N, C-alpha and C. Protein backbone atom coordinates (compact mmCIF):
# COMPACT_ATOMS: atom_id res chain seq x y z
N MET A 1 7.35 -15.70 -23.21
CA MET A 1 6.49 -15.45 -22.47
C MET A 1 5.61 -16.34 -22.88
N SER A 2 5.13 -16.83 -21.28
CA SER A 2 4.21 -18.33 -21.48
C SER A 2 2.93 -18.10 -22.16
N HIS A 3 2.74 -19.75 -22.71
CA HIS A 3 1.04 -19.72 -24.00
C HIS A 3 0.87 -21.02 -23.14
N ARG A 4 0.94 -20.85 -21.72
CA ARG A 4 0.28 -22.19 -20.99
C ARG A 4 -1.00 -21.42 -20.23
N GLU A 5 -2.21 -22.87 -20.24
CA GLU A 5 -3.27 -22.07 -19.51
C GLU A 5 -2.99 -21.37 -17.99
N PRO A 6 -3.96 -20.39 -17.80
CA PRO A 6 -4.19 -19.97 -16.10
C PRO A 6 -3.40 -20.83 -15.43
N PHE A 7 -2.93 -21.11 -14.45
CA PHE A 7 -2.88 -21.79 -13.40
C PHE A 7 -3.93 -20.99 -12.15
N VAL A 8 -4.67 -21.50 -11.74
CA VAL A 8 -5.74 -21.19 -10.82
C VAL A 8 -5.60 -21.17 -9.34
N LEU A 9 -5.39 -20.01 -8.87
CA LEU A 9 -5.47 -19.63 -7.19
C LEU A 9 -6.67 -19.46 -6.64
N ALA A 10 -6.27 -19.25 -5.44
CA ALA A 10 -7.15 -19.02 -4.27
C ALA A 10 -7.23 -17.37 -4.12
N LEU A 11 -7.61 -16.53 -3.40
CA LEU A 11 -6.98 -15.16 -3.19
C LEU A 11 -6.52 -15.68 -2.02
N PRO A 12 -5.00 -14.48 -1.81
CA PRO A 12 -4.26 -15.03 -0.52
C PRO A 12 -4.49 -14.19 0.72
N PHE A 13 -5.32 -13.68 0.40
CA PHE A 13 -6.32 -13.02 1.74
C PHE A 13 -7.59 -12.48 2.26
N ALA A 14 -7.55 -11.87 3.01
CA ALA A 14 -8.91 -11.36 3.51
C ALA A 14 -8.93 -10.01 3.15
N GLY A 15 -10.37 -9.35 3.97
CA GLY A 15 -10.62 -7.86 3.30
C GLY A 15 -10.36 -7.33 1.97
N ARG A 16 -10.70 -6.00 1.47
CA ARG A 16 -10.11 -5.27 0.62
C ARG A 16 -9.14 -4.70 0.15
N TRP A 17 -8.69 -5.22 -0.92
CA TRP A 17 -7.68 -5.40 -1.60
C TRP A 17 -7.59 -4.86 -2.94
N LEU A 18 -7.21 -3.84 -3.18
CA LEU A 18 -6.71 -2.76 -4.83
C LEU A 18 -6.20 -3.67 -5.71
N VAL A 19 -6.61 -3.57 -7.19
CA VAL A 19 -5.26 -4.43 -8.13
C VAL A 19 -4.68 -3.40 -8.50
N GLN A 20 -2.94 -3.86 -8.55
CA GLN A 20 -2.25 -2.92 -9.47
C GLN A 20 -1.57 -3.65 -10.37
N ASN A 21 -0.93 -3.33 -11.47
CA ASN A 21 -0.24 -4.08 -12.36
C ASN A 21 -0.91 -5.25 -12.43
N SER A 22 -1.59 -5.29 -13.06
CA SER A 22 -2.49 -6.35 -13.14
C SER A 22 -2.26 -7.40 -14.66
N PRO A 23 -1.86 -8.14 -15.18
CA PRO A 23 -1.35 -8.91 -16.36
C PRO A 23 -3.08 -9.38 -17.38
N ALA A 24 -4.35 -8.86 -16.32
CA ALA A 24 -5.11 -8.43 -17.26
C ALA A 24 -5.85 -7.08 -18.23
N THR A 25 -4.41 -6.17 -17.90
CA THR A 25 -4.76 -4.84 -18.45
C THR A 25 -3.13 -5.28 -19.29
N ARG A 26 -1.98 -5.96 -19.09
CA ARG A 26 -0.97 -5.70 -20.37
C ARG A 26 -0.12 -7.13 -19.36
N VAL A 27 0.93 -7.27 -20.89
CA VAL A 27 1.46 -8.87 -20.70
C VAL A 27 2.99 -8.43 -21.64
N PRO A 28 3.97 -8.06 -20.31
CA PRO A 28 4.30 -8.51 -19.19
C PRO A 28 3.01 -7.19 -18.41
N SER A 29 3.41 -7.86 -17.26
CA SER A 29 2.53 -6.79 -16.24
C SER A 29 2.87 -5.75 -15.79
N HIS A 30 4.18 -5.95 -15.15
CA HIS A 30 5.55 -4.86 -14.74
C HIS A 30 6.55 -4.76 -15.82
N ALA A 31 6.25 -4.28 -16.54
CA ALA A 31 7.10 -4.47 -17.87
C ALA A 31 8.21 -4.79 -18.11
N THR A 32 8.72 -5.81 -17.58
CA THR A 32 9.98 -6.81 -17.54
C THR A 32 8.87 -8.39 -17.38
N GLU A 33 9.59 -9.08 -18.18
CA GLU A 33 10.00 -10.63 -17.74
C GLU A 33 10.91 -11.30 -17.11
N LEU A 34 11.40 -10.31 -16.48
CA LEU A 34 12.75 -10.41 -15.55
C LEU A 34 12.06 -11.34 -14.16
N PHE A 35 12.98 -12.76 -13.39
CA PHE A 35 12.67 -13.17 -12.92
C PHE A 35 11.10 -13.74 -12.89
N GLY A 36 10.63 -14.24 -13.73
CA GLY A 36 9.15 -14.83 -13.48
C GLY A 36 8.36 -13.96 -13.61
N SER A 37 8.24 -12.99 -13.53
CA SER A 37 7.36 -11.88 -13.21
C SER A 37 6.30 -11.31 -14.48
N SER A 38 6.56 -12.03 -15.94
CA SER A 38 5.71 -11.66 -16.46
C SER A 38 4.31 -11.51 -16.72
N HIS A 39 3.26 -12.53 -15.60
CA HIS A 39 2.27 -12.55 -15.18
C HIS A 39 1.57 -12.22 -14.05
N ALA A 40 2.95 -11.58 -13.34
CA ALA A 40 3.10 -10.99 -11.63
C ALA A 40 1.27 -9.99 -12.00
N ILE A 41 0.85 -9.85 -10.46
CA ILE A 41 -0.24 -9.32 -10.24
C ILE A 41 0.24 -8.55 -9.01
N ASP A 42 -0.05 -7.12 -8.97
CA ASP A 42 0.09 -6.47 -7.51
C ASP A 42 -1.80 -6.22 -6.28
N PHE A 43 -1.24 -6.32 -5.02
CA PHE A 43 -2.75 -6.37 -4.23
C PHE A 43 -2.16 -5.51 -3.51
N VAL A 44 -3.45 -4.30 -3.33
CA VAL A 44 -3.04 -3.02 -2.54
C VAL A 44 -3.66 -3.39 -1.22
N PRO A 45 -3.70 -3.44 0.41
CA PRO A 45 -4.77 -3.19 1.15
C PRO A 45 -5.12 -2.04 1.24
N VAL A 46 -6.85 -1.89 1.40
CA VAL A 46 -7.04 -0.25 1.45
C VAL A 46 -8.44 -0.35 2.32
N ASP A 47 -8.92 0.57 2.94
CA ASP A 47 -10.14 0.65 3.69
C ASP A 47 -11.44 0.87 2.88
N ALA A 48 -12.36 1.57 3.81
CA ALA A 48 -13.47 1.27 3.20
C ALA A 48 -13.72 2.14 2.34
N ASP A 49 -13.29 3.02 2.49
CA ASP A 49 -13.03 4.38 1.42
C ASP A 49 -11.92 3.61 0.32
N GLY A 50 -11.74 3.03 0.44
CA GLY A 50 -10.53 2.66 -1.00
C GLY A 50 -8.96 3.06 -0.78
N ARG A 51 -8.81 3.47 0.23
CA ARG A 51 -7.49 4.12 1.34
C ARG A 51 -6.55 3.55 1.40
N SER A 52 -5.65 3.33 0.73
CA SER A 52 -4.27 2.73 1.22
C SER A 52 -4.13 3.54 2.77
N ALA A 53 -3.99 4.76 3.04
CA ALA A 53 -3.37 5.45 3.84
C ALA A 53 -3.81 6.77 3.81
N ARG A 54 -4.14 7.26 4.88
CA ARG A 54 -4.32 8.75 4.46
C ARG A 54 -3.42 9.13 3.91
N ARG A 55 -3.69 10.97 3.61
CA ARG A 55 -2.67 11.78 3.12
C ARG A 55 -2.95 12.89 3.79
N GLY A 56 -1.17 13.83 3.75
CA GLY A 56 -1.03 14.38 4.70
C GLY A 56 0.50 14.78 3.85
N LEU A 57 0.86 15.68 5.22
CA LEU A 57 2.27 16.70 3.96
C LEU A 57 3.34 15.39 3.44
N ARG A 58 3.61 14.56 4.97
CA ARG A 58 4.84 13.70 4.46
C ARG A 58 4.24 12.41 3.25
N SER A 59 2.82 12.12 2.67
CA SER A 59 2.41 12.02 1.13
C SER A 59 3.13 12.77 0.27
N VAL A 60 2.88 13.95 0.54
CA VAL A 60 2.99 15.04 -1.15
C VAL A 60 4.61 15.35 -1.17
N PHE A 61 5.22 15.67 0.19
CA PHE A 61 6.30 16.03 0.07
C PHE A 61 7.50 14.89 0.56
N GLY A 62 7.70 13.97 1.46
CA GLY A 62 8.35 12.88 1.61
C GLY A 62 7.93 11.66 1.47
N SER A 63 8.38 10.64 2.76
CA SER A 63 8.29 9.63 2.60
C SER A 63 7.41 8.76 3.71
N GLU A 64 6.91 8.19 4.24
CA GLU A 64 6.00 7.74 5.39
C GLU A 64 6.17 6.47 5.40
N ARG A 65 6.29 5.93 6.80
CA ARG A 65 6.46 5.10 7.77
C ARG A 65 5.19 4.09 7.36
N PRO A 66 5.98 2.63 7.46
CA PRO A 66 4.48 1.80 6.77
C PRO A 66 3.68 1.70 7.83
N GLU A 67 3.90 1.51 8.94
CA GLU A 67 2.99 1.55 9.84
C GLU A 67 1.89 2.16 9.73
N GLU A 68 1.53 3.32 9.17
CA GLU A 68 0.89 4.34 9.00
C GLU A 68 -0.31 3.89 7.84
N PHE A 69 -0.14 2.65 6.99
CA PHE A 69 -1.09 1.94 6.11
C PHE A 69 -1.64 0.30 6.70
N VAL A 70 -3.01 0.89 6.30
CA VAL A 70 -4.19 0.38 6.61
C VAL A 70 -3.51 -1.17 7.01
N GLY A 71 -2.87 -1.77 5.54
CA GLY A 71 -2.91 -2.89 5.51
C GLY A 71 -1.29 -3.67 6.00
N PHE A 72 -0.44 -2.87 6.53
CA PHE A 72 0.55 -3.36 7.38
C PHE A 72 -0.06 -4.42 8.11
N GLY A 73 0.72 -5.51 7.97
CA GLY A 73 0.88 -6.25 8.81
C GLY A 73 -0.45 -7.63 8.69
N ARG A 74 -1.61 -6.86 7.79
CA ARG A 74 -2.35 -7.90 7.39
C ARG A 74 -2.15 -9.08 7.13
N ALA A 75 -2.67 -10.65 7.65
CA ALA A 75 -2.84 -11.79 6.90
C ALA A 75 -2.52 -12.71 5.52
N ILE A 76 -0.95 -12.95 5.53
CA ILE A 76 -1.28 -13.29 4.05
C ILE A 76 -1.35 -14.63 3.39
N LEU A 77 -1.93 -15.22 3.45
CA LEU A 77 -2.76 -17.05 3.12
C LEU A 77 -2.33 -17.66 2.11
N ALA A 78 -2.26 -18.73 2.05
CA ALA A 78 -1.21 -19.33 0.85
C ALA A 78 -2.26 -19.80 0.06
N PRO A 79 -2.36 -19.61 -1.21
CA PRO A 79 -3.39 -19.25 -2.43
C PRO A 79 -3.48 -20.73 -3.05
N VAL A 80 -2.25 -21.97 -2.65
CA VAL A 80 -2.46 -23.35 -3.10
C VAL A 80 -1.95 -24.20 -2.03
N THR A 81 -1.86 -25.28 -2.06
CA THR A 81 -1.51 -25.85 -1.12
C THR A 81 -0.05 -27.01 -2.16
N GLY A 82 0.92 -26.62 -1.14
CA GLY A 82 1.89 -27.44 -1.93
C GLY A 82 3.03 -26.89 -0.67
N GLU A 83 4.50 -27.46 -1.16
CA GLU A 83 5.70 -27.48 -0.27
C GLU A 83 6.40 -26.45 -1.02
N VAL A 84 6.61 -25.85 0.85
CA VAL A 84 7.35 -24.65 0.51
C VAL A 84 8.70 -24.76 0.00
N VAL A 85 9.68 -23.99 -0.85
CA VAL A 85 10.57 -24.64 -0.94
C VAL A 85 11.16 -23.24 -0.76
N ARG A 86 11.26 -22.07 -0.50
CA ARG A 86 11.97 -21.22 -0.39
C ARG A 86 11.62 -20.67 0.60
N VAL A 87 11.86 -19.83 1.25
CA VAL A 87 11.75 -18.82 2.48
C VAL A 87 12.86 -17.66 2.79
N HIS A 88 12.57 -16.42 2.74
CA HIS A 88 13.59 -15.31 2.93
C HIS A 88 12.74 -14.05 3.63
N ASP A 89 13.67 -13.83 5.04
CA ASP A 89 13.05 -12.91 5.77
C ASP A 89 14.55 -12.24 6.01
N GLY A 90 14.02 -11.46 6.82
CA GLY A 90 15.36 -10.52 7.61
C GLY A 90 15.33 -9.13 6.52
N GLU A 91 15.07 -9.16 5.46
CA GLU A 91 14.68 -7.59 4.87
C GLU A 91 14.01 -6.96 5.20
N GLU A 92 14.26 -5.32 5.89
CA GLU A 92 13.99 -4.65 6.52
C GLU A 92 12.74 -3.71 5.63
N ASP A 93 11.84 -3.44 6.54
CA ASP A 93 10.18 -2.75 6.09
C ASP A 93 10.70 -1.06 5.97
N HIS A 94 11.23 -0.76 5.04
CA HIS A 94 11.45 0.65 4.66
C HIS A 94 10.12 1.36 4.54
N VAL A 95 10.55 2.34 4.06
CA VAL A 95 9.40 3.90 4.51
C VAL A 95 8.59 3.41 3.05
N ALA A 96 7.71 4.11 3.08
CA ALA A 96 6.92 4.32 1.50
C ALA A 96 6.80 5.50 1.60
N ARG A 97 6.80 5.57 0.14
CA ARG A 97 7.21 6.71 -1.33
C ARG A 97 5.81 6.68 -2.01
N ARG A 98 5.16 8.27 -1.51
CA ARG A 98 4.19 8.27 -2.62
C ARG A 98 4.12 9.57 -3.38
N SER A 99 5.26 10.24 -2.49
CA SER A 99 5.33 11.65 -3.11
C SER A 99 6.45 11.80 -4.68
N ILE A 100 6.40 12.14 -5.41
CA ILE A 100 6.73 12.55 -6.61
C ILE A 100 7.84 12.58 -6.41
N GLY A 101 9.24 13.58 -5.56
CA GLY A 101 9.90 13.42 -5.01
C GLY A 101 10.79 11.98 -4.74
N ALA A 102 9.93 11.39 -4.02
CA ALA A 102 10.82 10.27 -2.97
C ALA A 102 10.73 9.07 -4.19
N LEU A 103 8.92 8.96 -5.06
CA LEU A 103 9.48 8.34 -6.06
C LEU A 103 10.08 8.45 -7.16
N ILE A 104 10.98 9.53 -7.70
CA ILE A 104 11.66 9.51 -8.41
C ILE A 104 12.76 9.04 -7.82
N GLY A 105 13.38 9.53 -6.70
CA GLY A 105 14.50 9.38 -6.20
C GLY A 105 14.42 7.62 -5.85
N TYR A 106 13.63 7.09 -5.71
CA TYR A 106 13.43 5.62 -5.66
C TYR A 106 13.96 4.75 -7.00
N ALA A 107 13.20 5.62 -7.89
CA ALA A 107 13.38 5.15 -9.62
C ALA A 107 14.71 4.62 -9.84
N LEU A 108 15.66 5.59 -9.18
CA LEU A 108 16.90 5.85 -9.62
C LEU A 108 17.90 4.77 -9.23
N THR A 109 17.54 3.61 -8.05
CA THR A 109 17.90 2.78 -7.37
C THR A 109 17.86 1.46 -7.73
N GLN A 110 16.89 1.39 -8.54
CA GLN A 110 16.12 0.01 -9.64
C GLN A 110 16.75 -0.67 -10.16
N PRO A 111 18.47 0.27 -10.99
CA PRO A 111 19.19 -1.07 -11.54
C PRO A 111 19.81 -1.55 -10.56
N ALA A 112 20.26 -1.30 -9.34
CA ALA A 112 21.03 -1.74 -8.63
C ALA A 112 20.02 -2.94 -7.79
N ARG A 113 19.03 -2.70 -7.28
CA ARG A 113 17.84 -4.01 -7.08
C ARG A 113 18.51 -4.68 -8.18
N VAL A 114 18.11 -4.85 -8.94
CA VAL A 114 17.78 -5.70 -10.47
C VAL A 114 19.58 -6.61 -10.36
N ARG A 115 20.67 -5.79 -10.24
CA ARG A 115 21.44 -6.72 -10.39
C ARG A 115 21.87 -7.49 -8.94
N ASN A 116 21.33 -7.12 -7.55
CA ASN A 116 21.01 -7.70 -6.31
C ASN A 116 20.35 -8.91 -6.70
N GLY A 117 19.51 -8.87 -7.22
CA GLY A 117 18.92 -10.59 -7.66
C GLY A 117 17.52 -10.31 -7.17
N ALA A 118 16.72 -11.71 -6.83
CA ALA A 118 15.28 -11.62 -6.47
C ALA A 118 15.31 -11.32 -5.26
N PRO A 119 16.04 -11.50 -3.90
CA PRO A 119 15.67 -11.20 -2.50
C PRO A 119 15.78 -9.51 -2.37
N ALA A 120 16.87 -8.63 -3.76
CA ALA A 120 16.75 -7.49 -3.33
C ALA A 120 14.96 -6.89 -4.02
N ILE A 121 14.52 -7.93 -4.72
CA ILE A 121 13.19 -6.61 -5.47
C ILE A 121 12.57 -7.56 -4.83
N ALA A 122 12.13 -8.69 -4.40
CA ALA A 122 10.57 -9.03 -4.09
C ALA A 122 11.07 -9.37 -2.53
N GLY A 123 12.25 -9.07 -1.54
CA GLY A 123 12.13 -8.82 0.21
C GLY A 123 11.78 -9.71 0.56
N ASN A 124 11.08 -9.85 1.34
CA ASN A 124 11.06 -11.27 2.62
C ASN A 124 10.02 -11.96 1.57
N HIS A 125 10.10 -13.02 1.06
CA HIS A 125 9.00 -13.60 0.34
C HIS A 125 8.92 -15.07 0.81
N VAL A 126 7.92 -15.92 0.15
CA VAL A 126 8.08 -17.27 0.57
C VAL A 126 7.37 -17.83 -0.73
N VAL A 127 8.12 -18.80 -1.41
CA VAL A 127 7.53 -19.65 -2.56
C VAL A 127 7.32 -20.65 -2.15
N ILE A 128 5.64 -21.02 -2.83
CA ILE A 128 5.62 -22.74 -3.05
C ILE A 128 5.37 -23.79 -3.94
N ARG A 129 5.93 -24.56 -4.21
CA ARG A 129 5.60 -25.31 -5.17
C ARG A 129 4.47 -26.21 -5.39
N ALA A 130 3.47 -26.22 -6.91
CA ALA A 130 2.60 -26.88 -6.36
C ALA A 130 2.47 -27.13 -8.37
N ASP A 131 2.19 -28.74 -8.14
CA ASP A 131 2.15 -28.85 -8.93
C ASP A 131 3.67 -28.83 -10.12
N ASP A 132 4.09 -28.26 -11.01
CA ASP A 132 5.17 -27.95 -11.65
C ASP A 132 5.46 -26.44 -11.54
N VAL A 133 4.69 -26.07 -10.86
CA VAL A 133 5.27 -24.12 -11.16
C VAL A 133 5.51 -24.04 -9.51
N LEU A 134 6.04 -22.07 -9.51
CA LEU A 134 6.36 -21.51 -8.37
C LEU A 134 5.19 -20.65 -8.32
N VAL A 135 5.12 -20.63 -7.37
CA VAL A 135 3.90 -19.43 -6.22
C VAL A 135 4.67 -18.83 -5.47
N LEU A 136 5.34 -17.50 -6.04
CA LEU A 136 5.70 -16.34 -4.82
C LEU A 136 4.56 -15.53 -4.52
N LEU A 137 5.17 -15.39 -2.80
CA LEU A 137 4.78 -14.05 -2.65
C LEU A 137 5.30 -13.51 -2.46
N ALA A 138 5.64 -11.61 -2.73
CA ALA A 138 6.58 -11.32 -1.88
C ALA A 138 6.49 -10.05 -1.15
N HIS A 139 6.99 -9.38 -0.70
CA HIS A 139 7.63 -7.60 -0.02
C HIS A 139 6.38 -8.00 1.23
N LEU A 140 6.71 -9.38 2.04
CA LEU A 140 6.33 -9.47 3.83
C LEU A 140 6.75 -8.95 4.83
N ARG A 141 6.25 -8.81 5.81
CA ARG A 141 6.76 -8.14 6.95
C ARG A 141 8.02 -8.49 7.30
N GLU A 142 9.09 -7.86 7.57
CA GLU A 142 10.15 -8.84 8.36
C GLU A 142 10.02 -9.13 9.47
N GLY A 143 10.22 -10.90 9.53
CA GLY A 143 10.16 -11.68 10.69
C GLY A 143 8.65 -12.63 10.75
N ARG A 144 8.09 -12.46 10.01
CA ARG A 144 6.85 -12.77 10.01
C ARG A 144 6.13 -13.74 9.04
N ALA A 145 7.16 -14.18 8.50
CA ALA A 145 6.89 -15.09 7.27
C ALA A 145 7.14 -16.48 8.40
N THR A 146 6.08 -17.55 8.42
CA THR A 146 6.25 -18.31 9.35
C THR A 146 6.20 -20.08 9.03
N PRO A 147 5.99 -20.09 7.58
CA PRO A 147 6.56 -21.75 7.47
C PRO A 147 7.90 -21.54 7.13
N ARG A 148 8.77 -23.01 7.16
CA ARG A 148 9.80 -23.48 7.25
C ARG A 148 9.82 -24.20 5.51
N VAL A 149 11.31 -24.23 4.76
CA VAL A 149 11.76 -24.96 3.40
C VAL A 149 11.16 -26.28 4.32
N GLY A 150 9.95 -26.91 3.39
CA GLY A 150 10.08 -27.78 2.96
C GLY A 150 8.48 -28.28 4.00
N ASP A 151 8.19 -27.00 4.59
CA ASP A 151 6.57 -27.34 4.47
C ASP A 151 5.54 -27.86 4.02
N VAL A 152 4.36 -28.42 4.04
CA VAL A 152 3.37 -28.31 2.96
C VAL A 152 2.15 -27.37 4.07
N VAL A 153 1.83 -26.40 3.03
CA VAL A 153 1.13 -25.18 3.51
C VAL A 153 -0.37 -26.12 2.72
N HIS A 154 -1.66 -25.37 3.08
CA HIS A 154 -2.74 -25.95 2.26
C HIS A 154 -3.14 -24.46 2.28
N VAL A 155 -4.16 -24.75 1.29
CA VAL A 155 -4.86 -23.42 0.92
C VAL A 155 -5.42 -22.54 2.69
N GLY A 156 -5.45 -21.11 2.28
CA GLY A 156 -6.02 -20.86 3.38
C GLY A 156 -5.14 -20.65 4.81
N GLU A 157 -3.86 -21.22 4.81
CA GLU A 157 -3.13 -21.13 5.56
C GLU A 157 -1.72 -19.81 5.86
N GLN A 158 -2.23 -19.78 6.76
CA GLN A 158 -0.92 -18.37 7.02
C GLN A 158 0.22 -18.44 6.99
N VAL A 159 0.99 -17.49 5.82
CA VAL A 159 2.36 -17.87 5.55
C VAL A 159 3.22 -16.42 5.88
N GLY A 160 2.33 -15.31 6.39
CA GLY A 160 3.21 -13.85 6.55
C GLY A 160 2.05 -13.15 6.51
N GLU A 161 2.73 -11.98 6.64
CA GLU A 161 1.98 -10.41 6.50
C GLU A 161 2.89 -10.02 5.68
N CYS A 162 1.32 -8.78 5.70
CA CYS A 162 1.70 -7.48 4.59
C CYS A 162 2.74 -6.99 5.29
N GLY A 163 3.93 -6.23 3.77
CA GLY A 163 4.77 -5.61 4.39
C GLY A 163 5.53 -4.90 3.42
N ASN A 164 6.13 -4.03 3.69
CA ASN A 164 6.69 -3.08 2.48
C ASN A 164 8.53 -3.48 2.55
N SER A 165 8.83 -4.53 2.49
CA SER A 165 10.05 -4.87 1.98
C SER A 165 10.76 -4.88 0.49
N GLY A 166 11.98 -4.88 -0.07
CA GLY A 166 12.15 -5.18 -1.08
C GLY A 166 11.71 -3.96 -2.32
N ASN A 167 11.09 -4.79 -3.22
CA ASN A 167 11.41 -3.30 -4.25
C ASN A 167 9.79 -3.14 -4.37
N SER A 168 9.67 -2.18 -2.87
CA SER A 168 8.32 -1.71 -2.91
C SER A 168 8.13 -0.47 -1.88
N THR A 169 7.02 0.22 -2.95
CA THR A 169 6.71 1.42 -2.34
C THR A 169 5.72 1.84 -1.31
N GLU A 170 4.75 1.00 -1.13
CA GLU A 170 3.93 1.43 -0.31
C GLU A 170 3.66 0.08 0.44
N PRO A 171 2.59 -0.55 1.07
CA PRO A 171 2.61 -2.15 1.28
C PRO A 171 1.98 -2.35 0.84
N HIS A 172 2.50 -3.79 0.10
CA HIS A 172 1.36 -4.54 -0.76
C HIS A 172 1.67 -5.97 -0.86
N LEU A 173 1.27 -6.66 -2.24
CA LEU A 173 1.37 -7.99 -1.41
C LEU A 173 1.63 -7.86 -3.47
N HIS A 174 2.83 -8.85 -3.57
CA HIS A 174 3.36 -8.87 -5.34
C HIS A 174 3.28 -10.48 -5.20
N LEU A 175 2.19 -11.17 -6.11
CA LEU A 175 1.83 -12.52 -6.36
C LEU A 175 2.14 -12.66 -7.73
N GLN A 176 2.98 -14.12 -8.04
CA GLN A 176 3.04 -14.56 -9.45
C GLN A 176 3.18 -16.37 -9.05
N VAL A 177 3.04 -16.31 -10.66
CA VAL A 177 3.30 -18.19 -10.92
C VAL A 177 4.22 -17.84 -11.76
N SER A 178 5.26 -18.94 -11.63
CA SER A 178 6.36 -19.33 -12.38
C SER A 178 7.16 -20.47 -12.86
N GLU A 179 8.24 -20.82 -13.75
CA GLU A 179 8.49 -22.03 -14.01
C GLU A 179 9.85 -21.45 -12.85
N SER A 180 10.26 -20.83 -12.81
CA SER A 180 11.16 -20.34 -11.97
C SER A 180 11.35 -18.98 -11.34
N ILE A 181 12.04 -18.63 -10.21
CA ILE A 181 12.13 -16.96 -10.02
C ILE A 181 13.51 -16.76 -10.01
N ASP A 182 14.38 -17.58 -10.71
CA ASP A 182 15.95 -16.96 -11.02
C ASP A 182 15.71 -15.84 -11.83
N ARG A 183 16.76 -15.18 -12.48
CA ARG A 183 16.62 -13.72 -13.60
C ARG A 183 15.76 -14.23 -14.73
N HIS A 184 15.94 -15.43 -15.48
CA HIS A 184 15.65 -15.53 -16.97
C HIS A 184 14.43 -16.95 -16.76
N GLY A 185 13.75 -17.07 -15.78
CA GLY A 185 12.43 -17.48 -15.34
C GLY A 185 11.30 -17.16 -16.17
N ARG A 186 10.65 -18.51 -16.30
CA ARG A 186 9.65 -18.11 -16.99
C ARG A 186 8.24 -17.93 -16.24
N GLY A 187 7.34 -16.67 -16.30
CA GLY A 187 6.74 -16.75 -16.00
C GLY A 187 5.19 -17.46 -16.43
N VAL A 188 4.32 -18.05 -15.79
CA VAL A 188 3.00 -18.83 -16.14
C VAL A 188 1.55 -17.74 -15.72
N PRO A 189 0.95 -17.35 -16.43
CA PRO A 189 -0.38 -16.99 -16.37
C PRO A 189 -0.95 -17.42 -15.01
N LEU A 190 -1.83 -16.57 -14.47
CA LEU A 190 -2.63 -16.74 -13.22
C LEU A 190 -4.31 -16.65 -13.49
N ALA A 191 -4.66 -17.12 -12.88
CA ALA A 191 -6.40 -16.33 -12.47
C ALA A 191 -6.57 -16.69 -10.92
N PHE A 192 -7.83 -16.53 -10.66
CA PHE A 192 -8.41 -16.94 -9.09
C PHE A 192 -9.98 -17.36 -9.38
N ARG A 193 -10.07 -18.21 -8.15
CA ARG A 193 -11.50 -18.93 -7.94
C ARG A 193 -11.87 -17.91 -7.69
N ARG A 194 -13.50 -17.53 -7.83
CA ARG A 194 -14.33 -17.25 -6.75
C ARG A 194 -15.67 -17.75 -7.19
N ALA A 195 -16.63 -17.56 -6.36
CA ALA A 195 -17.55 -18.37 -5.57
C ALA A 195 -18.33 -18.61 -6.78
N ASP A 196 -19.19 -20.11 -7.57
CA ASP A 196 -20.27 -20.10 -8.59
C ASP A 196 -19.79 -19.30 -10.16
N GLU A 197 -18.75 -18.77 -9.90
CA GLU A 197 -18.44 -18.27 -11.50
C GLU A 197 -17.03 -18.58 -11.82
N LEU A 198 -16.30 -18.67 -12.90
CA LEU A 198 -15.47 -19.05 -13.49
C LEU A 198 -14.11 -18.15 -13.24
N PRO A 199 -13.09 -18.67 -12.61
CA PRO A 199 -11.66 -18.27 -12.37
C PRO A 199 -11.67 -16.80 -13.66
N TRP A 200 -10.88 -16.02 -12.77
CA TRP A 200 -10.80 -14.57 -13.54
C TRP A 200 -10.12 -14.19 -13.09
N VAL A 201 -9.25 -13.13 -13.87
CA VAL A 201 -8.11 -11.92 -13.69
C VAL A 201 -8.07 -10.70 -12.81
N PRO A 202 -8.33 -10.20 -12.01
CA PRO A 202 -9.27 -8.76 -11.77
C PRO A 202 -8.47 -8.28 -12.38
N GLY A 203 -9.39 -6.90 -12.96
CA GLY A 203 -8.34 -5.79 -13.88
C GLY A 203 -7.94 -4.54 -12.51
N ASN A 204 -6.67 -3.74 -13.45
CA ASN A 204 -6.30 -2.59 -12.97
C ASN A 204 -7.61 -1.93 -11.67
N GLY A 205 -7.22 -1.50 -10.69
CA GLY A 205 -8.56 -0.65 -10.12
C GLY A 205 -9.85 -0.95 -9.61
N GLU A 206 -9.97 -2.47 -9.77
CA GLU A 206 -10.86 -3.46 -9.30
C GLU A 206 -10.72 -3.61 -7.50
N ILE A 207 -11.35 -3.56 -6.91
CA ILE A 207 -11.24 -4.06 -5.34
C ILE A 207 -11.65 -5.33 -5.26
N VAL A 208 -10.84 -6.45 -4.60
CA VAL A 208 -11.22 -7.75 -4.40
C VAL A 208 -11.20 -8.47 -2.68
N GLY A 209 -11.84 -8.78 -2.71
CA GLY A 209 -11.78 -9.45 -1.50
C GLY A 209 -13.18 -9.14 -0.47
N ALA A 210 -12.91 -9.63 0.85
CA ALA A 210 -14.82 -9.68 1.65
C ALA A 210 -14.67 -8.29 2.08
């Protein structure tokens, strides 16, 4: 586990996003340190009522199309200025799973995804090198990752769209800072800028963004 000072980022989106699996609550935030994820944070896009999608029979008993979620396709922005060192695309945006039955079945496939490495976990993703760390933006929409390896991106520049690829049960953004995204990579604490205030780590259940 890292003891570095937090690496400060800009929020990588506009609109309203619900915080889940925050390192403000626990570390490792996702119950694992694998792939540099010890301080990762998840953001789920929501509407004005705080919902990611309407509830219906399929949300209770089955699976749902990712297009039914309000945030599917929302722009994902670079939270730092740096060099793009990895772009992975081509992973399918699979169905979303909010029902108990669908979630249990999905959990049983978790060991296989871990064995298959970072692409199976992160899905479509972009990695930006800033200073001596790597910033990972994961679960992007298939075919919408815009930069190429070697490009320099700037804060606020669009790098993709919110999707449901990889280890994802509904459209959301997984963001982490780490020294490596290899299996035994070390995570780095993160924080976010906000106007006229000190950087902060939003907590679970907090809605951030404009």
